[in-house]
Amino acid sequence: MHLEELEKLMTPEDFKEYERLYSMKEDVYSPQWYKIQDIMQKILAKYGLDTPDDPYGIEKEIDEDEE
C-alpha cells in the first residue's frame, strides 16, 4: 500500500508518525530497524492493515528472489 492510500485511511496523527518511521534510514534487520517495523505494524494493526503472519516482509522477499 502506498503512503497516499494510507493517508486517506489513517488519522493525521497516526499517518504523521507512520510517515516519520517509514522515512528513517536504518540498516535493514538491525535491532533498531526491527523496533521501527514493530511500531509501524502496531499502527497498521489499528486499521486492520497489518500482516501478522509475516510482519517484516521476509517471506515476501524470499518469494520475489525465487522469481
N, C-alpha and C. Protein backbone atom coordinates (compact mmCIF):
# COMPACT_ATOMS: atom_id res chain seq x y z
N MET A 1 0.84 -1.16 0.00
CA MET A 1 0.00 0.00 0.00
C MET A 1 0.89 1.24 0.00
N HIS A 2 0.52 2.23 -0.76
CA HIS A 2 1.30 3.45 -0.87
C HIS A 2 0.94 4.43 0.24
N LEU A 3 1.87 5.33 0.53
CA LEU A 3 1.63 6.32 1.58
C LEU A 3 0.39 7.17 1.31
N GLU A 4 0.14 7.49 0.05
CA GLU A 4 -1.03 8.29 -0.28
C GLU A 4 -2.32 7.57 0.12
N GLU A 5 -2.34 6.26 -0.06
CA GLU A 5 -3.52 5.47 0.32
C GLU A 5 -3.66 5.41 1.83
N LEU A 6 -2.54 5.26 2.52
CA LEU A 6 -2.58 5.22 3.98
C LEU A 6 -3.05 6.54 4.56
N GLU A 7 -2.64 7.63 3.96
CA GLU A 7 -3.03 8.94 4.45
C GLU A 7 -4.55 9.09 4.45
N LYS A 8 -5.20 8.50 3.47
CA LYS A 8 -6.66 8.58 3.38
C LYS A 8 -7.35 7.74 4.45
N LEU A 9 -6.68 6.67 4.90
CA LEU A 9 -7.28 5.74 5.85
C LEU A 9 -7.00 6.08 7.31
N MET A 10 -5.86 6.71 7.57
CA MET A 10 -5.41 6.94 8.94
C MET A 10 -5.78 8.32 9.45
N THR A 11 -5.74 8.44 10.77
CA THR A 11 -5.89 9.77 11.37
C THR A 11 -4.62 10.55 11.03
N PRO A 12 -4.69 11.87 11.02
CA PRO A 12 -3.48 12.66 10.71
C PRO A 12 -2.31 12.36 11.65
N GLU A 13 -2.60 12.13 12.93
CA GLU A 13 -1.53 11.85 13.89
C GLU A 13 -0.84 10.52 13.59
N ASP A 14 -1.65 9.48 13.34
CA ASP A 14 -1.08 8.17 13.02
C ASP A 14 -0.30 8.23 11.72
N PHE A 15 -0.84 8.92 10.73
CA PHE A 15 -0.14 8.99 9.46
C PHE A 15 1.20 9.71 9.59
N LYS A 16 1.23 10.81 10.33
CA LYS A 16 2.50 11.54 10.51
C LYS A 16 3.53 10.66 11.20
N GLU A 17 3.12 9.90 12.22
CA GLU A 17 4.04 9.01 12.92
C GLU A 17 4.51 7.89 11.99
N TYR A 18 3.60 7.30 11.24
CA TYR A 18 3.96 6.24 10.31
C TYR A 18 4.93 6.76 9.25
N GLU A 19 4.63 7.92 8.71
CA GLU A 19 5.49 8.50 7.68
C GLU A 19 6.89 8.81 8.23
N ARG A 20 6.95 9.30 9.46
CA ARG A 20 8.24 9.59 10.10
C ARG A 20 9.05 8.30 10.25
N LEU A 21 8.41 7.26 10.73
CA LEU A 21 9.09 5.97 10.91
C LEU A 21 9.51 5.39 9.56
N TYR A 22 8.64 5.50 8.59
CA TYR A 22 8.90 4.96 7.25
C TYR A 22 10.13 5.60 6.62
N SER A 23 10.34 6.88 6.88
CA SER A 23 11.45 7.60 6.25
C SER A 23 12.77 7.46 7.00
N MET A 24 12.77 6.79 8.14
CA MET A 24 14.02 6.61 8.89
C MET A 24 14.95 5.68 8.13
N LYS A 25 16.20 6.02 8.13
CA LYS A 25 17.21 5.24 7.41
C LYS A 25 18.02 4.41 8.40
N GLU A 26 17.59 3.19 8.59
CA GLU A 26 18.28 2.25 9.46
C GLU A 26 18.76 1.06 8.62
N ASP A 27 19.82 0.42 9.08
CA ASP A 27 20.28 -0.79 8.40
C ASP A 27 19.19 -1.85 8.52
N VAL A 28 18.87 -2.46 7.40
CA VAL A 28 17.85 -3.49 7.38
C VAL A 28 18.27 -4.63 8.30
N TYR A 29 17.32 -5.11 9.08
CA TYR A 29 17.48 -6.21 10.03
C TYR A 29 18.37 -5.87 11.22
N SER A 30 18.67 -4.60 11.42
CA SER A 30 19.37 -4.19 12.65
C SER A 30 18.34 -4.16 13.78
N PRO A 31 18.80 -4.17 15.03
CA PRO A 31 17.84 -4.10 16.14
C PRO A 31 16.92 -2.88 16.06
N GLN A 32 17.45 -1.74 15.68
CA GLN A 32 16.64 -0.53 15.56
C GLN A 32 15.61 -0.67 14.45
N TRP A 33 16.00 -1.29 13.35
CA TRP A 33 15.07 -1.50 12.23
C TRP A 33 13.88 -2.34 12.68
N TYR A 34 14.14 -3.41 13.45
CA TYR A 34 13.06 -4.25 13.96
C TYR A 34 12.13 -3.47 14.86
N LYS A 35 12.68 -2.60 15.71
CA LYS A 35 11.84 -1.78 16.59
C LYS A 35 10.94 -0.86 15.78
N ILE A 36 11.49 -0.24 14.76
CA ILE A 36 10.72 0.65 13.89
C ILE A 36 9.62 -0.14 13.19
N GLN A 37 9.95 -1.30 12.66
CA GLN A 37 8.96 -2.13 11.97
C GLN A 37 7.83 -2.55 12.91
N ASP A 38 8.18 -2.87 14.16
CA ASP A 38 7.16 -3.26 15.13
C ASP A 38 6.19 -2.11 15.41
N ILE A 39 6.71 -0.91 15.56
CA ILE A 39 5.85 0.26 15.80
C ILE A 39 4.96 0.50 14.58
N MET A 40 5.53 0.39 13.39
CA MET A 40 4.74 0.58 12.17
C MET A 40 3.63 -0.47 12.08
N GLN A 41 3.92 -1.72 12.45
CA GLN A 41 2.92 -2.78 12.42
C GLN A 41 1.78 -2.49 13.40
N LYS A 42 2.12 -1.93 14.56
CA LYS A 42 1.09 -1.60 15.55
C LYS A 42 0.16 -0.52 15.00
N ILE A 43 0.72 0.45 14.31
CA ILE A 43 -0.11 1.49 13.70
C ILE A 43 -1.01 0.87 12.63
N LEU A 44 -0.45 0.04 11.77
CA LEU A 44 -1.25 -0.60 10.72
C LEU A 44 -2.33 -1.50 11.30
N ALA A 45 -2.03 -2.16 12.42
CA ALA A 45 -2.99 -3.07 13.05
C ALA A 45 -4.25 -2.33 13.50
N LYS A 46 -4.10 -1.07 13.88
CA LYS A 46 -5.26 -0.26 14.28
C LYS A 46 -6.29 -0.18 13.15
N TYR A 47 -5.81 -0.28 11.93
CA TYR A 47 -6.66 -0.12 10.75
C TYR A 47 -6.88 -1.45 10.01
N GLY A 48 -6.46 -2.54 10.62
CA GLY A 48 -6.63 -3.85 10.00
C GLY A 48 -5.75 -4.07 8.79
N LEU A 49 -4.63 -3.36 8.71
CA LEU A 49 -3.75 -3.43 7.54
C LEU A 49 -2.43 -4.15 7.82
N ASP A 50 -2.29 -4.71 9.00
CA ASP A 50 -1.03 -5.36 9.35
C ASP A 50 -0.93 -6.74 8.71
N THR A 51 0.24 -7.31 8.75
CA THR A 51 0.47 -8.65 8.22
C THR A 51 1.05 -9.50 9.36
N PRO A 52 0.20 -10.01 10.24
CA PRO A 52 0.70 -10.72 11.42
C PRO A 52 1.47 -11.99 11.12
N ASP A 53 1.22 -12.62 9.98
CA ASP A 53 1.94 -13.85 9.64
C ASP A 53 3.35 -13.59 9.13
N ASP A 54 3.60 -12.39 8.63
CA ASP A 54 4.91 -12.02 8.09
C ASP A 54 5.16 -10.53 8.33
N PRO A 55 5.29 -10.13 9.60
CA PRO A 55 5.34 -8.70 9.91
C PRO A 55 6.53 -7.94 9.32
N TYR A 56 7.61 -8.62 9.00
CA TYR A 56 8.79 -7.94 8.48
C TYR A 56 8.94 -8.08 6.97
N GLY A 57 8.02 -8.75 6.32
CA GLY A 57 8.07 -8.91 4.88
C GLY A 57 9.15 -9.86 4.41
N ILE A 58 9.65 -10.70 5.29
CA ILE A 58 10.74 -11.61 4.94
C ILE A 58 10.27 -12.65 3.92
N GLU A 59 9.08 -13.22 4.15
CA GLU A 59 8.57 -14.23 3.22
C GLU A 59 8.34 -13.64 1.84
N LYS A 60 7.89 -12.41 1.78
CA LYS A 60 7.67 -11.74 0.51
C LYS A 60 8.99 -11.59 -0.24
N GLU A 61 10.05 -11.22 0.48
CA GLU A 61 11.37 -11.08 -0.15
C GLU A 61 11.86 -12.40 -0.70
N ILE A 62 11.63 -13.49 0.03
CA ILE A 62 12.07 -14.81 -0.42
C ILE A 62 11.32 -15.17 -1.70
N ASP A 63 10.01 -14.94 -1.73
CA ASP A 63 9.22 -15.24 -2.93
C ASP A 63 9.71 -14.43 -4.13
N GLU A 64 10.02 -13.18 -3.95
CA GLU A 64 10.48 -12.33 -5.05
C GLU A 64 11.84 -12.78 -5.56
N ASP A 65 12.69 -13.29 -4.67
CA ASP A 65 14.01 -13.78 -5.08
C ASP A 65 13.91 -15.04 -5.92
N GLU A 66 12.88 -15.84 -5.68
CA GLU A 66 12.71 -17.07 -6.41
C GLU A 66 12.23 -16.86 -7.84
N GLU A 67 11.63 -15.70 -8.11
CA GLU A 67 11.08 -15.45 -9.45
C GLU A 67 12.14 -15.11 -10.44
